[in-house]
Amino acid sequence: MFTRTCLRRGTNIITNPGLSRFAGPLNSSLQASSYNNSLTYKSQRNFFTAKEGTMCFFGTIFFVREQYACLIHRFQKFNRQVKPGLNFKLPFIDTIEYVHDLREQVFEISSQVAVTRDNVALHIDGVLYLKVEDPYKASYGVENLTSAITNLAQTTMRSEIGKLALDKTFEERDKLNERIVSAIDKETKDWGAKCIRYEIKDIEPPSNVQKSMILQAEAERKKRANMIESEGQRQSRINLAEANRNSKILKAEGEAEAIIKKAEASGEALKSISEALKFEGKDRKTFIINYLLGERYIDAYKKMGRKENTMFIQTQPQNPIENVTSSFNLMDQVNKKTTK
């Protein structure tokens, strides 16, 4: 954790046999003299401890572990920052004041109540990932870095939740995390720390809101199911209509092809008949026309005979060609009179 303490026993961070008389880690609440006394507790005895891998000679030699930073005071004033490895200090004059872990640290943000824009109280907790980048600012820029960052994360989270409605709180969790990181990072720059990321763990609305959300989710699922069903029915009708259309097109194409084939066959038959009867030129054309008209005339009588209704027919059906010819002549006379 980010504490302004951190002298530890044994070989944890700063290794010095003179610190072994303490029951636990030292913290920044101890005065500089306490550090100095602890370092000089056994400094009157020159010794080398192979077990702990340290060497103390009048309290001047100490070791700092990798990824840790140590700040030295001289006469109660900042003097220097020492790097990991073997280091020296002046006994009685230099004191180790602060030790910081430079690795990425994880903070559990305890559950708190936050009110959304539509006045719904939520219980929210999260996890904050931070890293000390400037040990000097982390030591002198804020009194208690851990407490300051935790409180800042809580207030920032409440502020960002207050800008969103309840539904958006669940839908835009990723964007909410990004906004919280951005807001925290602006403040922690002066404290020598950088906010790596923030993750909301749990969002717990009140019980009555949870019941409403369950009902809403169920209604939404039913709505989607009905939409899917109606879309399926619509697609089914479209497919049936498309199939019917294609069937009619194919049927019409078949009928057209049959008519063409029938006409071609009739043409060949009439040609053969006219040749057999030795009709030439105009006589052949007249024969073919009269034959076709007579054929249709007879077909028309067949169709009329199938119906049960009363109908008026020609008095001389035995001469269809003459009747058809007279009908055409009558129509020509009517057309001529109309044009005059």
C-alpha atoms as a PDB file:
ATOM      1  CA  MET A   1       0.000   0.000   0.000  1.00  0.00           C
ATOM      2  CA  PHE A   2       0.954   3.638  -0.357  1.00  0.00           C
ATOM      3  CA  THR A   3       2.087   4.475   3.148  1.00  0.00           C
ATOM      4  CA  ARG A   4       4.603   7.024   4.150  1.00  0.00           C
ATOM      5  CA  THR A   5       6.169   4.296   6.333  1.00  0.00           C
ATOM      6  CA  CYS A   6       7.676   1.438   5.429  1.00  0.00           C
ATOM      7  CA  LEU A   7      10.705   0.409   7.281  1.00  0.00           C
ATOM      8  CA  ARG A   8      10.295  -3.325   7.821  1.00  0.00           C
ATOM      9  CA  ARG A   9      12.043  -6.079   9.653  1.00  0.00           C
ATOM     10  CA  GLY A  10      14.413  -8.505   8.058  1.00  0.00           C
ATOM     11  CA  THR A  11      14.924  -8.291   4.307  1.00  0.00           C
ATOM     12  CA  ASN A  12      11.532  -7.022   3.152  1.00  0.00           C
ATOM     13  CA  ILE A  13      12.276  -3.519   1.911  1.00  0.00           C
ATOM     14  CA  ILE A  14      15.108  -1.997   3.863  1.00  0.00           C
ATOM     15  CA  THR A  15      17.287  -4.611   5.429  1.00  0.00           C
ATOM     16  CA  ASN A  16      19.136  -3.715   8.578  1.00  0.00           C
ATOM     17  CA  PRO A  17      19.612  -6.017  11.583  1.00  0.00           C
ATOM     18  CA  GLY A  18      19.268  -3.024  13.856  1.00  0.00           C
ATOM     19  CA  LEU A  19      15.529  -2.927  13.072  1.00  0.00           C
ATOM     20  CA  SER A  20      14.835  -6.472  14.245  1.00  0.00           C
ATOM     21  CA  ARG A  21      13.849  -5.419  17.758  1.00  0.00           C
ATOM     22  CA  PHE A  22      10.564  -3.950  16.451  1.00  0.00           C
ATOM     23  CA  ALA A  23       7.525  -6.215  16.459  1.00  0.00           C
ATOM     24  CA  GLY A  24       6.143  -4.901  13.154  1.00  0.00           C
ATOM     25  CA  PRO A  25       6.612  -2.368  10.376  1.00  0.00           C
ATOM     26  CA  LEU A  26       7.388   1.191  11.294  1.00  0.00           C
ATOM     27  CA  ASN A  27       5.184   3.952   9.974  1.00  0.00           C
ATOM     28  CA  SER A  28       5.526   7.650   9.348  1.00  0.00           C
ATOM     29  CA  SER A  29       3.979   8.516  12.692  1.00  0.00           C
ATOM     30  CA  LEU A  30       7.298   7.699  14.303  1.00  0.00           C
ATOM     31  CA  GLN A  31       9.581  10.665  14.650  1.00  0.00           C
ATOM     32  CA  ALA A  32      12.865  10.860  12.839  1.00  0.00           C
ATOM     33  CA  SER A  33      14.672  10.313  16.113  1.00  0.00           C
ATOM     34  CA  SER A  34      12.925   6.967  16.465  1.00  0.00           C
ATOM     35  CA  TYR A  35      14.286   5.920  13.105  1.00  0.00           C
ATOM     36  CA  ASN A  36      17.722   7.170  14.067  1.00  0.00           C
ATOM     37  CA  ASN A  37      17.653   5.359  17.404  1.00  0.00           C
ATOM     38  CA  SER A  38      16.494   2.144  15.783  1.00  0.00           C
ATOM     39  CA  LEU A  39      19.282   2.288  13.282  1.00  0.00           C
ATOM     40  CA  THR A  40      21.853   2.968  15.962  1.00  0.00           C
ATOM     41  CA  TYR A  41      20.434   0.522  18.483  1.00  0.00           C
ATOM     42  CA  LYS A  42      23.116  -1.997  17.624  1.00  0.00           C
ATOM     43  CA  SER A  43      25.380   0.314  15.727  1.00  0.00           C
ATOM     44  CA  GLN A  44      27.932   0.257  18.519  1.00  0.00           C
ATOM     45  CA  ARG A  45      28.587  -3.390  17.594  1.00  0.00           C
ATOM     46  CA  ASN A  46      30.262  -4.027  14.283  1.00  0.00           C
ATOM     47  CA  PHE A  47      28.827  -7.225  12.830  1.00  0.00           C
ATOM     48  CA  PHE A  48      27.894  -9.040   9.625  1.00  0.00           C
ATOM     49  CA  THR A  49      24.719 -11.147   9.481  1.00  0.00           C
ATOM     50  CA  ALA A  50      24.870 -13.661   6.629  1.00  0.00           C
ATOM     51  CA  LYS A  51      21.365 -14.952   7.343  1.00  0.00           C
ATOM     52  CA  GLU A  52      19.654 -11.647   6.607  1.00  0.00           C
ATOM     53  CA  GLY A  53      22.167 -10.690   3.929  1.00  0.00           C
ATOM     54  CA  THR A  54      22.869  -7.262   5.376  1.00  0.00           C
ATOM     55  CA  MET A  55      25.786  -5.487   6.783  1.00  0.00           C
ATOM     56  CA  CYS A  56      25.668  -2.674   9.266  1.00  0.00           C
ATOM     57  CA  PHE A  57      28.708  -0.650  10.150  1.00  0.00           C
ATOM     58  CA  PHE A  58      27.861   2.124  12.609  1.00  0.00           C
ATOM     59  CA  GLY A  59      24.363   2.330  11.019  1.00  0.00           C
ATOM     60  CA  THR A  60      25.691   3.557   7.681  1.00  0.00           C
ATOM     61  CA  ILE A  61      24.929   0.676   5.285  1.00  0.00           C
ATOM     62  CA  PHE A  62      21.425  -0.400   4.238  1.00  0.00           C
ATOM     63  CA  PHE A  63      19.745  -2.079   1.291  1.00  0.00           C
ATOM     64  CA  VAL A  64      16.580  -1.110  -0.641  1.00  0.00           C
ATOM     65  CA  ARG A  65      14.623  -3.696  -2.602  1.00  0.00           C
ATOM     66  CA  GLU A  66      13.818  -3.416  -6.322  1.00  0.00           C
ATOM     67  CA  GLN A  67      10.719  -1.352  -7.233  1.00  0.00           C
ATOM     68  CA  TYR A  68      10.896   0.629  -4.004  1.00  0.00           C
ATOM     69  CA  ALA A  69      11.964   4.214  -3.426  1.00  0.00           C
ATOM     70  CA  CYS A  70      13.464   5.516  -0.211  1.00  0.00           C
ATOM     71  CA  LEU A  71      13.621   9.198   0.845  1.00  0.00           C
ATOM     72  CA  ILE A  72      16.381  10.355   3.203  1.00  0.00           C
ATOM     73  CA  HIS A  73      16.150  13.325   5.574  1.00  0.00           C
ATOM     74  CA  ARG A  74      19.141  15.177   6.902  1.00  0.00           C
ATOM     75  CA  PHE A  75      18.537  17.318   9.963  1.00  0.00           C
ATOM     76  CA  GLN A  76      14.768  16.797   9.515  1.00  0.00           C
ATOM     77  CA  LYS A  77      14.901  18.113   5.929  1.00  0.00           C
ATOM     78  CA  PHE A  78      14.654  16.236   2.640  1.00  0.00           C
ATOM     79  CA  ASN A  79      18.104  15.392   1.370  1.00  0.00           C
ATOM     80  CA  ARG A  80      17.854  12.783  -1.386  1.00  0.00           C
ATOM     81  CA  GLN A  81      16.050   9.801  -2.842  1.00  0.00           C
ATOM     82  CA  VAL A  82      18.005   6.560  -2.879  1.00  0.00           C
ATOM     83  CA  LYS A  83      17.687   3.791  -5.446  1.00  0.00           C
ATOM     84  CA  PRO A  84      17.327   0.040  -4.918  1.00  0.00           C
ATOM     85  CA  GLY A  85      20.449  -1.793  -3.880  1.00  0.00           C
ATOM     86  CA  LEU A  86      23.324  -0.885  -1.569  1.00  0.00           C
ATOM     87  CA  ASN A  87      23.111   2.589  -0.009  1.00  0.00           C
ATOM     88  CA  PHE A  88      24.913   4.603   2.650  1.00  0.00           C
ATOM     89  CA  LYS A  89      23.855   7.232   5.157  1.00  0.00           C
ATOM     90  CA  LEU A  90      25.434   9.243   7.900  1.00  0.00           C
ATOM     91  CA  PRO A  91      24.638   7.931  11.367  1.00  0.00           C
ATOM     92  CA  PHE A  92      22.787  10.278  13.722  1.00  0.00           C
ATOM     93  CA  ILE A  93      22.384  12.799  10.858  1.00  0.00           C
ATOM     94  CA  ASP A  94      20.550  11.008   8.035  1.00  0.00           C
ATOM     95  CA  THR A  95      17.219   9.289   8.649  1.00  0.00           C
ATOM     96  CA  ILE A  96      15.049   7.154   6.402  1.00  0.00           C
ATOM     97  CA  GLU A  97      11.758   9.060   6.357  1.00  0.00           C
ATOM     98  CA  TYR A  98       9.595   7.535   3.596  1.00  0.00           C
ATOM     99  CA  VAL A  99       9.591   4.314   1.582  1.00  0.00           C
ATOM    100  CA  HIS A 100       7.210   3.861  -1.374  1.00  0.00           C
ATOM    101  CA  ASP A 101       6.246   0.796  -3.366  1.00  0.00           C
ATOM    102  CA  LEU A 102       6.505   1.772  -7.055  1.00  0.00           C
ATOM    103  CA  ARG A 103       4.514  -1.196  -8.322  1.00  0.00           C
ATOM    104  CA  GLU A 104       0.870  -0.959  -9.363  1.00  0.00           C
ATOM    105  CA  GLN A 105      -1.301  -1.031  -6.268  1.00  0.00           C
ATOM    106  CA  VAL A 106      -4.922  -2.163  -5.841  1.00  0.00           C
ATOM    107  CA  PHE A 107      -7.392  -0.299  -3.619  1.00  0.00           C
ATOM    108  CA  GLU A 108     -10.757  -1.707  -2.605  1.00  0.00           C
ATOM    109  CA  ILE A 109     -13.309   1.119  -2.618  1.00  0.00           C
ATOM    110  CA  SER A 110     -15.897   0.207  -0.015  1.00  0.00           C
ATOM    111  CA  SER A 111     -19.608   0.215  -0.786  1.00  0.00           C
ATOM    112  CA  GLN A 112     -21.327   3.590  -0.592  1.00  0.00           C
ATOM    113  CA  VAL A 113     -24.667   5.158  -1.443  1.00  0.00           C
ATOM    114  CA  ALA A 114     -24.894   7.194  -4.644  1.00  0.00           C
ATOM    115  CA  VAL A 115     -28.034   8.886  -5.999  1.00  0.00           C
ATOM    116  CA  THR A 116     -28.734   8.798  -9.733  1.00  0.00           C
ATOM    117  CA  ARG A 117     -30.153  11.666 -11.772  1.00  0.00           C
ATOM    118  CA  ASP A 118     -33.663  10.195 -11.432  1.00  0.00           C
ATOM    119  CA  ASN A 119     -33.303  10.032  -7.613  1.00  0.00           C
ATOM    120  CA  VAL A 120     -32.629   6.320  -7.149  1.00  0.00           C
ATOM    121  CA  ALA A 121     -30.242   5.413  -4.323  1.00  0.00           C
ATOM    122  CA  LEU A 122     -27.666   2.793  -5.316  1.00  0.00           C
ATOM    123  CA  HIS A 123     -25.072   0.914  -3.299  1.00  0.00           C
ATOM    124  CA  ILE A 124     -21.856   0.857  -5.340  1.00  0.00           C
ATOM    125  CA  ASP A 125     -18.340  -0.408  -4.690  1.00  0.00           C
ATOM    126  CA  GLY A 126     -15.290  -0.667  -6.900  1.00  0.00           C
ATOM    127  CA  VAL A 127     -11.600  -1.367  -7.351  1.00  0.00           C
ATOM    128  CA  LEU A 128      -8.985   1.299  -8.064  1.00  0.00           C
ATOM    129  CA  TYR A 129      -5.560   0.620  -9.623  1.00  0.00           C
ATOM    130  CA  LEU A 130      -2.848   3.200  -8.913  1.00  0.00           C
ATOM    131  CA  LYS A 131       0.874   3.575  -9.260  1.00  0.00           C
ATOM    132  CA  VAL A 132       3.325   5.985  -7.615  1.00  0.00           C
ATOM    133  CA  GLU A 133       5.311   7.842 -10.269  1.00  0.00           C
ATOM    134  CA  ASP A 134       6.890  10.601  -8.171  1.00  0.00           C
ATOM    135  CA  PRO A 135       7.874   9.486  -4.641  1.00  0.00           C
ATOM    136  CA  TYR A 136       8.722  13.075  -3.654  1.00  0.00           C
ATOM    137  CA  LYS A 137       5.199  14.374  -4.417  1.00  0.00           C
ATOM    138  CA  ALA A 138       3.663  11.262  -2.877  1.00  0.00           C
ATOM    139  CA  SER A 139       5.525  12.034   0.354  1.00  0.00           C
ATOM    140  CA  TYR A 140       5.116  15.798   0.588  1.00  0.00           C
ATOM    141  CA  GLY A 141       2.128  16.569  -1.665  1.00  0.00           C
ATOM    142  CA  VAL A 142      -0.469  14.945   0.584  1.00  0.00           C
ATOM    143  CA  GLU A 143      -0.525  13.876   4.215  1.00  0.00           C
ATOM    144  CA  ASN A 144      -1.967  10.383   3.705  1.00  0.00           C
ATOM    145  CA  LEU A 145      -1.935   9.216   0.106  1.00  0.00           C
ATOM    146  CA  THR A 146      -4.030   6.091   0.711  1.00  0.00           C
ATOM    147  CA  SER A 147      -6.815   7.925   2.517  1.00  0.00           C
ATOM    148  CA  ALA A 148      -6.789  10.804   0.043  1.00  0.00           C
ATOM    149  CA  ILE A 149      -7.076   8.532  -2.990  1.00  0.00           C
ATOM    150  CA  THR A 150      -9.815   6.404  -1.413  1.00  0.00           C
ATOM    151  CA  ASN A 151     -11.920   9.427  -0.478  1.00  0.00           C
ATOM    152  CA  LEU A 152     -11.348  10.990  -3.897  1.00  0.00           C
ATOM    153  CA  ALA A 153     -12.492   7.796  -5.633  1.00  0.00           C
ATOM    154  CA  GLN A 154     -15.654   7.670  -3.534  1.00  0.00           C
ATOM    155  CA  THR A 155     -16.613  11.311  -4.115  1.00  0.00           C
ATOM    156  CA  THR A 156     -15.814  11.079  -7.831  1.00  0.00           C
ATOM    157  CA  MET A 157     -17.929   7.958  -8.187  1.00  0.00           C
ATOM    158  CA  ARG A 158     -20.885   9.616  -6.438  1.00  0.00           C
ATOM    159  CA  SER A 159     -20.519  12.679  -8.656  1.00  0.00           C
ATOM    160  CA  GLU A 160     -20.437  10.677 -11.893  1.00  0.00           C
ATOM    161  CA  ILE A 161     -23.372   8.480 -10.840  1.00  0.00           C
ATOM    162  CA  GLY A 162     -25.415  11.624 -10.172  1.00  0.00           C
ATOM    163  CA  LYS A 163     -25.073  12.615 -13.843  1.00  0.00           C
ATOM    164  CA  LEU A 164     -26.732   9.424 -15.130  1.00  0.00           C
ATOM    165  CA  ALA A 165     -30.200   7.933 -14.988  1.00  0.00           C
ATOM    166  CA  LEU A 166     -30.638   4.461 -13.511  1.00  0.00           C
ATOM    167  CA  ASP A 167     -30.848   2.663 -16.867  1.00  0.00           C
ATOM    168  CA  LYS A 168     -27.757   4.441 -18.206  1.00  0.00           C
ATOM    169  CA  THR A 169     -25.827   3.455 -15.069  1.00  0.00           C
ATOM    170  CA  PHE A 170     -26.049  -0.201 -16.096  1.00  0.00           C
ATOM    171  CA  GLU A 171     -25.748   0.385 -19.846  1.00  0.00           C
ATOM    172  CA  GLU A 172     -22.738   2.734 -19.744  1.00  0.00           C
ATOM    173  CA  ARG A 173     -20.613   1.096 -17.067  1.00  0.00           C
ATOM    174  CA  ASP A 174     -17.473   1.170 -19.240  1.00  0.00           C
ATOM    175  CA  LYS A 175     -17.904   4.867 -20.038  1.00  0.00           C
ATOM    176  CA  LEU A 176     -18.574   5.540 -16.359  1.00  0.00           C
ATOM    177  CA  ASN A 177     -15.307   3.814 -15.412  1.00  0.00           C
ATOM    178  CA  GLU A 178     -13.424   5.926 -17.966  1.00  0.00           C
ATOM    179  CA  ARG A 179     -14.890   9.179 -16.624  1.00  0.00           C
ATOM    180  CA  ILE A 180     -13.982   8.223 -13.057  1.00  0.00           C
ATOM    181  CA  VAL A 181     -10.397   7.416 -14.101  1.00  0.00           C
ATOM    182  CA  SER A 182     -10.103  10.739 -15.940  1.00  0.00           C
ATOM    183  CA  ALA A 183     -11.408  12.718 -12.949  1.00  0.00           C
ATOM    184  CA  ILE A 184      -9.151  10.923 -10.436  1.00  0.00           C
ATOM    185  CA  ASP A 185      -6.072  11.188 -12.647  1.00  0.00           C
ATOM    186  CA  LYS A 186      -6.364  14.982 -12.802  1.00  0.00           C
ATOM    187  CA  GLU A 187      -6.187  15.249  -9.010  1.00  0.00           C
ATOM    188  CA  THR A 188      -3.539  12.615  -8.331  1.00  0.00           C
ATOM    189  CA  LYS A 189      -0.958  14.264 -10.613  1.00  0.00           C
ATOM    190  CA  ASP A 190      -0.122  16.681  -7.799  1.00  0.00           C
ATOM    191  CA  TRP A 191       0.256  13.712  -5.465  1.00  0.00           C
ATOM    192  CA  GLY A 192       2.801  11.917  -7.633  1.00  0.00           C
ATOM    193  CA  ALA A 193       0.445   9.047  -8.448  1.00  0.00           C
ATOM    194  CA  LYS A 194      -1.294   7.924 -11.637  1.00  0.00           C
ATOM    195  CA  CYS A 195      -4.691   6.271 -11.840  1.00  0.00           C
ATOM    196  CA  ILE A 196      -4.317   3.255 -14.131  1.00  0.00           C
ATOM    197  CA  ARG A 197      -7.956   2.146 -14.197  1.00  0.00           C
ATOM    198  CA  TYR A 198     -11.111   1.926 -12.145  1.00  0.00           C
ATOM    199  CA  GLU A 199     -13.624  -0.908 -12.183  1.00  0.00           C
ATOM    200  CA  ILE A 200     -17.110  -0.832 -10.666  1.00  0.00           C
ATOM    201  CA  LYS A 201     -17.702  -4.169  -8.950  1.00  0.00           C
ATOM    202  CA  ASP A 202     -21.345  -4.197  -7.894  1.00  0.00           C
ATOM    203  CA  ILE A 203     -24.308  -1.885  -8.432  1.00  0.00           C
ATOM    204  CA  GLU A 204     -27.130  -2.751  -6.046  1.00  0.00           C
ATOM    205  CA  PRO A 205     -30.410  -0.815  -6.387  1.00  0.00           C
ATOM    206  CA  PRO A 206     -33.155  -0.890  -3.707  1.00  0.00           C
ATOM    207  CA  SER A 207     -35.349  -4.005  -3.505  1.00  0.00           C
ATOM    208  CA  ASN A 208     -38.432  -2.310  -4.985  1.00  0.00           C
ATOM    209  CA  VAL A 209     -36.371  -1.069  -7.916  1.00  0.00           C
ATOM    210  CA  GLN A 210     -34.945  -4.565  -8.398  1.00  0.00           C
ATOM    211  CA  LYS A 211     -38.475  -5.991  -8.628  1.00  0.00           C
ATOM    212  CA  SER A 212     -39.429  -3.331 -11.177  1.00  0.00           C
ATOM    213  CA  MET A 213     -36.306  -4.087 -13.175  1.00  0.00           C
ATOM    214  CA  ILE A 214     -37.143  -7.806 -13.182  1.00  0.00           C
ATOM    215  CA  LEU A 215     -40.669  -7.081 -14.447  1.00  0.00           C
ATOM    216  CA  GLN A 216     -39.297  -4.689 -17.044  1.00  0.00           C
ATOM    217  CA  ALA A 217     -36.748  -7.237 -18.222  1.00  0.00           C
ATOM    218  CA  GLU A 218     -39.462  -9.899 -18.473  1.00  0.00           C
ATOM    219  CA  ALA A 219     -41.698  -7.547 -20.474  1.00  0.00           C
ATOM    220  CA  GLU A 220     -38.783  -6.702 -22.735  1.00  0.00           C
ATOM    221  CA  ARG A 221     -38.110 -10.389 -23.345  1.00  0.00           C
ATOM    222  CA  LYS A 222     -41.780 -10.987 -24.215  1.00  0.00           C
ATOM    223  CA  LYS A 223     -41.711  -7.994 -26.539  1.00  0.00           C
ATOM    224  CA  ARG A 224     -38.647  -9.308 -28.329  1.00  0.00           C
ATOM    225  CA  ALA A 225     -40.223 -12.771 -28.577  1.00  0.00           C
ATOM    226  CA  ASN A 226     -43.403 -11.300 -30.111  1.00  0.00           C
ATOM    227  CA  MET A 227     -41.352  -9.243 -32.535  1.00  0.00           C
ATOM    228  CA  ILE A 228     -39.370 -12.295 -33.578  1.00  0.00           C
ATOM    229  CA  GLU A 229     -42.580 -14.314 -33.995  1.00  0.00           C
ATOM    230  CA  SER A 230     -44.290 -11.584 -36.051  1.00  0.00           C
ATOM    231  CA  GLU A 231     -41.177 -11.166 -38.162  1.00  0.00           C
ATOM    232  CA  GLY A 232     -41.178 -14.895 -38.786  1.00  0.00           C
ATOM    233  CA  GLN A 233     -44.839 -14.833 -39.826  1.00  0.00           C
ATOM    234  CA  ARG A 234     -44.221 -11.852 -42.094  1.00  0.00           C
ATOM    235  CA  GLN A 235     -41.275 -13.574 -43.716  1.00  0.00           C
ATOM    236  CA  SER A 236     -43.369 -16.715 -44.115  1.00  0.00           C
ATOM    237  CA  ARG A 237     -46.116 -14.766 -45.925  1.00  0.00           C
ATOM    238  CA  ILE A 238     -43.517 -13.105 -48.123  1.00  0.00           C
ATOM    239  CA  ASN A 239     -42.035 -16.466 -48.978  1.00  0.00           C
ATOM    240  CA  LEU A 240     -45.479 -17.900 -49.796  1.00  0.00           C
ATOM    241  CA  ALA A 241     -46.357 -14.899 -51.967  1.00  0.00           C
ATOM    242  CA  GLU A 242     -43.022 -15.129 -53.709  1.00  0.00           C
ATOM    243  CA  ALA A 243     -43.532 -18.827 -54.316  1.00  0.00           C
ATOM    244  CA  ASN A 244     -47.072 -18.204 -55.638  1.00  0.00           C
ATOM    245  CA  ARG A 245     -45.805 -15.471 -57.938  1.00  0.00           C
ATOM    246  CA  ASN A 246     -43.037 -17.662 -59.261  1.00  0.00           C
ATOM    247  CA  SER A 247     -45.546 -20.472 -59.754  1.00  0.00           C
ATOM    248  CA  LYS A 248     -47.858 -18.212 -61.775  1.00  0.00           C
ATOM    249  CA  ILE A 249     -44.967 -16.931 -63.841  1.00  0.00           C
ATOM    250  CA  LEU A 250     -43.837 -20.442 -64.588  1.00  0.00           C
ATOM    251  CA  LYS A 251     -47.415 -21.481 -65.383  1.00  0.00           C
ATOM    252  CA  ALA A 252     -47.894 -18.492 -67.715  1.00  0.00           C
ATOM    253  CA  GLU A 253     -44.598 -19.172 -69.407  1.00  0.00           C
ATOM    254  CA  GLY A 254     -45.624 -22.788 -69.868  1.00  0.00           C
ATOM    255  CA  GLU A 255     -49.009 -21.797 -71.301  1.00  0.00           C
ATOM    256  CA  ALA A 256     -47.387 -19.259 -73.623  1.00  0.00           C
ATOM    257  CA  GLU A 257     -44.935 -21.838 -74.823  1.00  0.00           C
ATOM    258  CA  ALA A 258     -47.784 -24.316 -75.325  1.00  0.00           C
ATOM    259  CA  ILE A 259     -49.741 -21.756 -77.365  1.00  0.00           C
ATOM    260  CA  ILE A 260     -46.695 -21.046 -79.477  1.00  0.00           C
ATOM    261  CA  LYS A 261     -46.099 -24.720 -80.037  1.00  0.00           C
ATOM    262  CA  LYS A 262     -49.791 -25.234 -80.860  1.00  0.00           C
ATOM    263  CA  ALA A 263     -49.762 -22.295 -83.270  1.00  0.00           C
ATOM    264  CA  GLU A 264     -46.655 -23.606 -84.943  1.00  0.00           C
ATOM    265  CA  ALA A 265     -48.241 -27.035 -85.252  1.00  0.00           C
ATOM    266  CA  SER A 266     -51.470 -25.527 -86.622  1.00  0.00           C
ATOM    267  CA  GLY A 267     -49.494 -23.476 -89.101  1.00  0.00           C
ATOM    268  CA  GLU A 268     -47.653 -26.504 -90.325  1.00  0.00           C
ATOM    269  CA  ALA A 269     -50.908 -28.452 -90.571  1.00  0.00           C
ATOM    270  CA  LEU A 270     -52.669 -25.704 -92.537  1.00  0.00           C
ATOM    271  CA  LYS A 271     -49.699 -25.369 -94.810  1.00  0.00           C
ATOM    272  CA  SER A 272     -49.751 -29.074 -95.507  1.00  0.00           C
ATOM    273  CA  ILE A 273     -53.538 -29.046 -96.106  1.00  0.00           C
ATOM    274  CA  SER A 274     -53.359 -26.043 -98.442  1.00  0.00           C
ATOM    275  CA  GLU A 275     -50.565 -27.648-100.378  1.00  0.00           C
ATOM    276  CA  ALA A 276     -52.522 -30.873-100.624  1.00  0.00           C
ATOM    277  CA  LEU A 277     -55.570 -28.970-101.936  1.00  0.00           C
ATOM    278  CA  LYS A 278     -53.305 -27.088-104.321  1.00  0.00           C
ATOM    279  CA  PHE A 279     -54.206 -23.603-103.114  1.00  0.00           C
ATOM    280  CA  GLU A 280     -51.789 -20.947-104.351  1.00  0.00           C
ATOM    281  CA  GLY A 281     -51.211 -17.277-103.526  1.00  0.00           C
ATOM    282  CA  LYS A 282     -54.308 -15.381-102.425  1.00  0.00           C
ATOM    283  CA  ASP A 283     -56.461 -18.505-102.359  1.00  0.00           C
ATOM    284  CA  ARG A 284     -54.126 -20.128 -99.851  1.00  0.00           C
ATOM    285  CA  LYS A 285     -54.283 -17.119 -97.489  1.00  0.00           C
ATOM    286  CA  THR A 286     -58.064 -16.971 -97.763  1.00  0.00           C
ATOM    287  CA  PHE A 287     -58.329 -20.666 -97.013  1.00  0.00           C
ATOM    288  CA  ILE A 288     -56.124 -20.395 -93.944  1.00  0.00           C
ATOM    289  CA  ILE A 289     -58.063 -17.395 -92.555  1.00  0.00           C
ATOM    290  CA  ASN A 290     -61.427 -19.028 -93.112  1.00  0.00           C
ATOM    291  CA  TYR A 291     -60.194 -22.248 -91.527  1.00  0.00           C
ATOM    292  CA  LEU A 292     -59.005 -20.471 -88.384  1.00  0.00           C
ATOM    293  CA  LEU A 293     -62.188 -18.404 -88.070  1.00  0.00           C
ATOM    294  CA  GLY A 294     -64.316 -21.468 -88.482  1.00  0.00           C
ATOM    295  CA  GLU A 295     -62.318 -23.338 -85.869  1.00  0.00           C
ATOM    296  CA  ARG A 296     -62.773 -20.558 -83.330  1.00  0.00           C
ATOM    297  CA  TYR A 297     -66.437 -20.226 -84.193  1.00  0.00           C
ATOM    298  CA  ILE A 298     -66.991 -23.874 -83.459  1.00  0.00           C
ATOM    299  CA  ASP A 299     -65.004 -23.626 -80.183  1.00  0.00           C
ATOM    300  CA  ALA A 300     -67.203 -20.725 -79.104  1.00  0.00           C
ATOM    301  CA  TYR A 301     -70.335 -22.809 -79.632  1.00  0.00           C
ATOM    302  CA  LYS A 302     -68.806 -25.607 -77.604  1.00  0.00           C
ATOM    303  CA  LYS A 303     -68.171 -23.272 -74.666  1.00  0.00           C
ATOM    304  CA  MET A 304     -71.666 -21.797 -74.835  1.00  0.00           C
ATOM    305  CA  GLY A 305     -73.133 -25.245 -74.847  1.00  0.00           C
ATOM    306  CA  ARG A 306     -71.555 -26.030 -71.490  1.00  0.00           C
ATOM    307  CA  LYS A 307     -73.475 -23.224 -69.738  1.00  0.00           C
ATOM    308  CA  GLU A 308     -77.043 -23.564 -68.461  1.00  0.00           C
ATOM    309  CA  ASN A 309     -78.056 -19.927 -69.055  1.00  0.00           C
ATOM    310  CA  THR A 310     -80.384 -18.880 -71.874  1.00  0.00           C
ATOM    311  CA  MET A 311     -78.486 -17.461 -74.879  1.00  0.00           C
ATOM    312  CA  PHE A 312     -79.267 -16.080 -78.333  1.00  0.00           C
ATOM    313  CA  ILE A 313     -77.369 -17.671 -81.194  1.00  0.00           C
ATOM    314  CA  GLN A 314     -77.307 -17.371 -84.985  1.00  0.00           C
ATOM    315  CA  THR A 315     -80.135 -19.007 -86.883  1.00  0.00           C
ATOM    316  CA  GLN A 316     -77.759 -20.617 -89.341  1.00  0.00           C
ATOM    317  CA  PRO A 317     -74.904 -22.125 -87.330  1.00  0.00           C
ATOM    318  CA  GLN A 318     -74.295 -24.602 -90.132  1.00  0.00           C
ATOM    319  CA  ASN A 319     -72.469 -21.942 -92.193  1.00  0.00           C
ATOM    320  CA  PRO A 320     -69.999 -20.361 -89.723  1.00  0.00           C
ATOM    321  CA  ILE A 321     -67.663 -18.984 -92.348  1.00  0.00           C
ATOM    322  CA  GLU A 322     -70.418 -17.046 -94.064  1.00  0.00           C
ATOM    323  CA  ASN A 323     -71.681 -15.698 -90.737  1.00  0.00           C
ATOM    324  CA  VAL A 324     -68.231 -14.540 -89.703  1.00  0.00           C
ATOM    325  CA  THR A 325     -67.641 -12.938 -93.104  1.00  0.00           C
ATOM    326  CA  SER A 326     -70.970 -11.114 -92.993  1.00  0.00           C
ATOM    327  CA  SER A 327     -70.182  -9.911 -89.484  1.00  0.00           C
ATOM    328  CA  PHE A 328     -66.903  -8.405 -90.651  1.00  0.00           C
ATOM    329  CA  ASN A 329     -68.648  -6.735 -93.624  1.00  0.00           C
ATOM    330  CA  LEU A 330     -71.276  -5.248 -91.319  1.00  0.00           C
ATOM    331  CA  MET A 331     -68.601  -3.866 -88.999  1.00  0.00           C
ATOM    332  CA  ASP A 332     -66.796  -2.283 -91.958  1.00  0.00           C
ATOM    333  CA  GLN A 333     -70.004  -0.550 -93.098  1.00  0.00           C
ATOM    334  CA  VAL A 334     -70.661   0.778 -89.589  1.00  0.00           C
ATOM    335  CA  ASN A 335     -67.113   2.118 -89.334  1.00  0.00           C
ATOM    336  CA  LYS A 336     -67.391   3.879 -92.709  1.00  0.00           C
ATOM    337  CA  LYS A 337     -70.655   5.586 -91.735  1.00  0.00           C
ATOM    338  CA  THR A 338     -69.169   6.662 -88.426  1.00  0.00           C
ATOM    339  CA  THR A 339     -66.156   8.270 -90.088  1.00  0.00           C
ATOM    340  CA  LYS A 340     -68.379  10.237 -92.510  1.00  0.00           C
END
